[in-house]
Structures are given as C-alpha cells and as structure tokens.
Amino acid sequence: MLVLGNWYDLMPKVSAHASLAAIALICSLIIGVERFRKEKPVGFRTLGLVSFGACTYVMVAHAISPSEGPRVIGQIVSGIGFLGAGVILRGQYGVTGLTSAATIWAMAGVGSAAGAGYGGGALAAAALMWLLLTVASRLERVVFLHNASAEAAVRYETRHGKAQLKIEEVLDDFHIAPVDQTWSCTLDHGISEVRIRYHHLHRHHRECLARLAEMPEVISIARDEERVADRFKK
C-alpha cells in the first residue's frame, strides 16, 4: 500500500515529508544521469532543484491547507514554463532544446506528485520518463536512421587536429556520428577525410551539412546519394 497509497495517510508527517523529499531527488537522479550521459545541458542539478522545489511548494501548501494544493500546483506549472523556455534556442539552423524544456516541465510534475504524497506514483512516472528518453531514442536510431540512409565524405584541412574537434562538435549537435566511429588517416599532406551516415528524415541533416560547408577548414563534401564527385568550395 505504501507504493500506491498517499504517504501522508500511511506515515507520520515528519517521516512522510522527509521521505517524499528524498523520493523527489531520487526521481531527478534517475533522469538527470540519463541526460548527463548524453551530454545535455539540463542535468541532475537542474532537474534536482526543479523536482525538489516543486515537491517543497506542494508540501508547504498541503501543510497550510490541503485545499491549497491544486492552486499551488497550477502556479508551479505556469512558473516552470518560463524556466523551460530559457533552454529553447532558435538559431540559424533551427530550434534546439525542446526535449530539455519538456524534461524540466515533466520533472516538475513528478516533484509535485511526490509533494502531494504519492511517492510511489512519482517513482513510476520517473521510470516511464527514463524509458521514453532511452528506449524511444534507440528506436529512432534502429527504425528510422537505418532506413534510406545516406553517407557523405567530408574532406578537411587537419590544422594539427583543430579541424577534427570543430567537426566533432557540429556532428554532436545534430546527433550524427562518423561511420564506424572512426576517422580516416591523412589522405594528403594536411588533408583528411571523415565519412558520416545520416537519414533523409534525420532532424536538420541539411543544416548540419550546411554548417560543415561553412567551416573554412572543410574543403569538400561529397554525398553518395547524389553520386557526384567532390564539390570544392569556390
């Protein structure tokens, strides 16, 4: 019953408050570690503060008057929207940060559930969020990215390894990896090549190629799908 019931009815208030606050932090840890492993800007500290803060506000409202809970939760939902909007960025190559913003919004809901006394429900919700963020991401790669995929060969001036670091940063931004996670050896003095694989439905893959083309270190980008020779920039 501790898993499904309201902990305020099953435990002393002091124990319930401490336990629910710990549950809120544990839930944020579950999601925060997953976000950290993917090198996302929203990690355990941010999600922990969001979850713990939402939990604390709801617990205070419940301590004052149980009828205040719904109103406080509504204010949390409105307020967390401003925080989530801060991580959404619209740049030259599209919109980024939507998943991070949605994660913050959902984590506030998990913290509110813990603060309302439903620790088991908060843990279940965090587990489902983890499944969505991990399993869905893998399904996207397996189902979509391996169908009608295309490859491109990017030739660039090595510049003592500096160019590779810049190219890796761009590829990471668009979740595109070099083929077999390897970089080719130098083709000629100071010139190397890396092959990347992407899907035609891959998010912003054209923007990724455009960013690579704008790099002064990149000499040419040859896409296999077009069956054309290297097109050197003018």
Protein backbone atom coordinates (compact mmCIF):
# COMPACT_ATOMS: atom_id res chain seq x y z
CA MET A 1 0.00 0.00 0.00
CA LEU A 2 2.97 2.31 0.53
CA VAL A 3 3.61 2.22 -3.19
CA LEU A 4 0.07 3.06 -4.27
CA GLY A 5 -1.36 5.00 -1.33
CA ASN A 6 -0.94 8.53 -0.07
CA TRP A 7 2.07 8.60 2.23
CA TYR A 8 0.53 11.30 4.41
CA ASP A 9 -2.13 8.79 5.43
CA LEU A 10 0.34 5.96 5.98
CA MET A 11 3.24 7.65 7.78
CA PRO A 12 3.82 10.32 10.43
CA LYS A 13 4.01 13.78 8.86
CA VAL A 14 7.69 14.33 9.63
CA SER A 15 8.68 10.97 8.18
CA ALA A 16 6.40 11.48 5.19
CA HIS A 17 7.89 14.89 4.38
CA ALA A 18 11.47 13.63 4.60
CA SER A 19 10.70 10.51 2.58
CA LEU A 20 8.85 12.39 -0.15
CA ALA A 21 11.63 14.98 -0.48
CA ALA A 22 14.12 12.12 -0.87
CA ILE A 23 11.88 10.50 -3.48
CA ALA A 24 11.78 13.76 -5.44
CA LEU A 25 15.58 13.86 -5.51
CA ILE A 26 15.83 10.17 -6.45
CA CYS A 27 13.47 10.74 -9.36
CA SER A 28 15.57 13.63 -10.60
CA LEU A 29 18.68 11.47 -10.26
CA ILE A 30 17.13 8.80 -12.49
CA ILE A 31 16.51 11.29 -15.30
CA GLY A 32 19.50 13.53 -14.60
CA VAL A 33 22.02 10.73 -15.04
CA GLU A 34 20.48 9.82 -18.39
CA ARG A 35 20.67 13.45 -19.52
CA PHE A 36 24.25 13.76 -18.26
CA ARG A 37 25.35 10.66 -20.18
CA LYS A 38 24.02 12.24 -23.36
CA GLU A 39 25.85 15.48 -22.52
CA LYS A 40 22.67 17.54 -22.38
CA PRO A 41 22.66 21.00 -20.78
CA VAL A 42 19.94 20.02 -18.30
CA GLY A 43 21.46 17.56 -15.81
CA PHE A 44 20.96 16.26 -12.30
CA ARG A 45 21.49 19.57 -10.51
CA THR A 46 18.92 21.45 -12.57
CA LEU A 47 16.37 18.64 -12.53
CA GLY A 48 17.04 18.03 -8.84
CA LEU A 49 16.26 21.64 -7.98
CA VAL A 50 13.14 21.59 -10.15
CA SER A 51 11.83 18.37 -8.62
CA PHE A 52 12.78 19.27 -5.05
CA GLY A 53 11.39 22.80 -5.39
CA ALA A 54 8.06 21.60 -6.77
CA CYS A 55 7.84 18.98 -4.04
CA THR A 56 8.58 21.55 -1.31
CA TYR A 57 5.99 24.04 -2.57
CA VAL A 58 3.29 21.38 -2.67
CA MET A 59 4.23 20.09 0.79
CA VAL A 60 4.04 23.62 2.24
CA ALA A 61 0.64 24.14 0.61
CA HIS A 62 -0.56 20.79 1.97
CA ALA A 63 0.67 21.70 5.46
CA ILE A 64 -1.21 25.02 5.38
CA SER A 65 -4.39 23.62 3.87
CA PRO A 66 -4.99 20.58 1.65
CA SER A 67 -7.32 22.68 -0.47
CA GLU A 68 -4.37 24.92 -1.42
CA GLY A 69 -2.60 22.08 -3.25
CA PRO A 70 -4.33 22.40 -6.64
CA ARG A 71 -3.80 26.18 -6.75
CA VAL A 72 -0.12 25.88 -5.91
CA ILE A 73 0.37 23.13 -8.50
CA GLY A 74 -1.23 25.38 -11.10
CA GLN A 75 1.22 28.14 -10.23
CA ILE A 76 4.12 25.69 -10.48
CA VAL A 77 3.02 24.66 -13.97
CA SER A 78 2.84 28.31 -15.05
CA GLY A 79 6.15 29.26 -13.46
CA ILE A 80 8.10 26.28 -14.76
CA GLY A 81 7.15 27.30 -18.29
CA PHE A 82 9.43 30.33 -18.05
CA LEU A 83 12.33 28.16 -16.93
CA GLY A 84 11.73 25.70 -19.74
CA ALA A 85 11.53 28.49 -22.30
CA GLY A 86 15.01 29.57 -21.27
CA VAL A 87 16.60 26.41 -22.67
CA ILE A 88 14.81 26.60 -26.03
CA LEU A 89 17.02 28.25 -28.60
CA ARG A 90 16.12 29.26 -32.14
CA GLY A 91 19.12 29.81 -34.31
CA GLN A 92 20.13 29.86 -37.92
CA TYR A 93 19.85 26.07 -38.13
CA GLY A 94 16.51 25.50 -36.41
CA VAL A 95 15.13 25.10 -32.91
CA THR A 96 17.03 23.22 -30.20
CA GLY A 97 16.35 22.46 -26.56
CA LEU A 98 12.75 21.30 -26.89
CA THR A 99 13.46 17.94 -25.23
CA SER A 100 15.32 19.63 -22.37
CA ALA A 101 12.43 22.04 -21.83
CA ALA A 102 9.91 19.20 -21.85
CA THR A 103 12.08 17.27 -19.39
CA ILE A 104 12.06 20.21 -16.96
CA TRP A 105 8.29 20.54 -17.32
CA ALA A 106 7.70 16.83 -16.74
CA MET A 107 10.11 16.72 -13.79
CA ALA A 108 8.14 19.49 -12.10
CA GLY A 109 5.11 17.24 -12.39
CA VAL A 110 7.00 14.35 -10.83
CA GLY A 111 8.09 16.56 -7.93
CA SER A 112 4.53 17.80 -7.48
CA ALA A 113 3.28 14.21 -7.31
CA ALA A 114 5.83 13.46 -4.58
CA GLY A 115 4.88 16.60 -2.68
CA ALA A 116 1.21 15.61 -2.85
CA GLY A 117 2.08 12.40 -1.02
CA TYR A 118 2.26 9.91 -3.87
CA GLY A 119 5.87 8.80 -3.69
CA GLY A 120 5.19 5.55 -5.50
CA GLY A 121 3.48 7.40 -8.33
CA ALA A 122 6.41 9.80 -8.62
CA LEU A 123 8.87 6.89 -8.90
CA ALA A 124 6.69 5.22 -11.52
CA ALA A 125 6.45 8.44 -13.51
CA ALA A 126 10.24 8.92 -13.39
CA ALA A 127 10.75 5.34 -14.56
CA LEU A 128 8.40 5.91 -17.51
CA MET A 129 10.25 9.13 -18.37
CA TRP A 130 13.53 7.22 -18.35
CA LEU A 131 12.08 4.60 -20.67
CA LEU A 132 10.80 7.28 -23.02
CA LEU A 133 14.13 9.09 -23.16
CA THR A 134 16.25 5.95 -23.61
CA VAL A 135 14.14 3.37 -25.43
CA ALA A 136 12.49 5.87 -27.77
CA SER A 137 15.90 7.31 -28.66
CA ARG A 138 17.21 3.86 -29.52
CA LEU A 139 14.10 3.01 -31.54
CA GLU A 140 14.58 6.18 -33.55
CA ARG A 141 18.08 5.10 -34.49
CA VAL A 142 17.12 1.47 -35.21
CA VAL A 143 13.85 2.03 -37.07
CA PHE A 144 14.47 5.30 -38.87
CA LEU A 145 18.16 6.04 -39.16
CA HIS A 146 18.99 2.68 -40.78
CA ASN A 147 16.34 3.07 -43.48
CA ALA A 148 17.15 5.07 -46.61
CA SER A 149 20.34 6.30 -45.01
CA ALA A 150 22.96 8.22 -46.94
CA GLU A 151 26.65 8.85 -46.48
CA ALA A 152 28.80 11.86 -47.13
CA ALA A 153 32.56 12.20 -47.33
CA VAL A 154 33.90 15.36 -45.74
CA ARG A 155 37.44 16.40 -46.66
CA TYR A 156 39.09 18.96 -44.48
CA GLU A 157 42.41 20.53 -43.60
CA THR A 158 43.64 18.93 -40.39
CA ARG A 159 45.27 22.05 -38.96
CA HIS A 160 47.02 19.97 -36.29
CA GLY A 161 43.78 18.34 -35.10
CA LYS A 162 41.83 21.55 -34.56
CA ALA A 163 39.51 20.92 -37.51
CA GLN A 164 38.51 17.47 -36.25
CA LEU A 165 37.45 18.92 -32.91
CA LYS A 166 35.26 21.51 -34.65
CA ILE A 167 33.69 18.90 -36.92
CA GLU A 168 33.00 16.59 -33.97
CA GLU A 169 31.23 19.46 -32.19
CA VAL A 170 28.95 20.05 -35.17
CA LEU A 171 28.17 16.35 -35.54
CA ASP A 172 27.37 16.08 -31.83
CA ASP A 173 24.95 19.00 -32.09
CA PHE A 174 22.96 17.12 -34.72
CA HIS A 175 23.44 13.61 -33.27
CA ILE A 176 25.27 12.39 -36.36
CA ALA A 177 28.25 10.09 -35.88
CA PRO A 178 31.16 9.21 -38.18
CA VAL A 179 30.77 5.82 -39.88
CA ASP A 180 32.05 3.10 -37.52
CA GLN A 181 33.11 5.90 -35.16
CA THR A 182 36.44 6.17 -36.99
CA TRP A 183 38.27 8.95 -38.76
CA SER A 184 40.34 8.19 -41.81
CA CYS A 185 44.06 8.74 -41.90
CA THR A 186 45.56 11.67 -43.72
CA LEU A 187 44.90 11.48 -47.47
CA ASP A 188 47.49 14.04 -48.39
CA HIS A 189 49.74 16.43 -46.60
CA GLY A 190 47.49 18.24 -44.13
CA ILE A 191 44.22 16.87 -45.59
CA SER A 192 41.99 14.17 -44.06
CA GLU A 193 38.54 12.73 -44.67
CA VAL A 194 35.67 11.55 -42.48
CA ARG A 195 32.57 9.72 -43.64
CA ILE A 196 29.27 10.35 -41.92
CA ARG A 197 25.96 8.49 -42.20
CA TYR A 198 22.61 10.21 -41.81
CA HIS A 199 18.96 9.60 -42.61
CA HIS A 200 16.93 11.70 -45.01
CA LEU A 201 14.41 12.23 -42.19
CA HIS A 202 17.16 12.97 -39.67
CA ARG A 203 16.46 16.19 -37.82
CA HIS A 204 18.12 19.11 -39.59
CA HIS A 205 20.55 16.96 -41.56
CA ARG A 206 20.67 19.61 -44.27
CA GLU A 207 21.51 22.22 -41.67
CA CYS A 208 24.31 20.00 -40.41
CA LEU A 209 25.83 19.72 -43.88
CA ALA A 210 25.43 23.47 -44.34
CA ARG A 211 27.31 24.18 -41.11
CA LEU A 212 30.10 21.87 -42.18
CA ALA A 213 30.26 23.56 -45.58
CA GLU A 214 30.64 26.96 -43.92
CA MET A 215 33.70 25.87 -41.97
CA PRO A 216 36.85 27.32 -43.56
CA GLU A 217 38.71 24.08 -42.80
CA VAL A 218 36.31 21.97 -44.91
CA ILE A 219 37.49 21.54 -48.49
CA SER A 220 34.64 19.49 -49.97
CA ILE A 221 31.52 17.47 -49.11
CA ALA A 222 30.59 14.58 -51.43
CA ARG A 223 27.20 12.97 -50.86
CA ASP A 224 26.82 9.39 -52.10
CA GLU A 225 23.11 9.84 -52.65
CA GLU A 226 23.82 12.31 -55.43
CA ARG A 227 26.55 10.19 -57.00
CA VAL A 228 28.63 13.21 -57.77
CA ALA A 229 32.29 13.98 -57.43
CA ASP A 230 33.69 16.21 -54.73
CA ARG A 231 32.39 19.72 -54.98
CA PHE A 232 35.11 22.08 -53.88
CA LYS A 233 34.00 25.36 -52.45
CA LYS A 234 34.61 28.35 -54.61
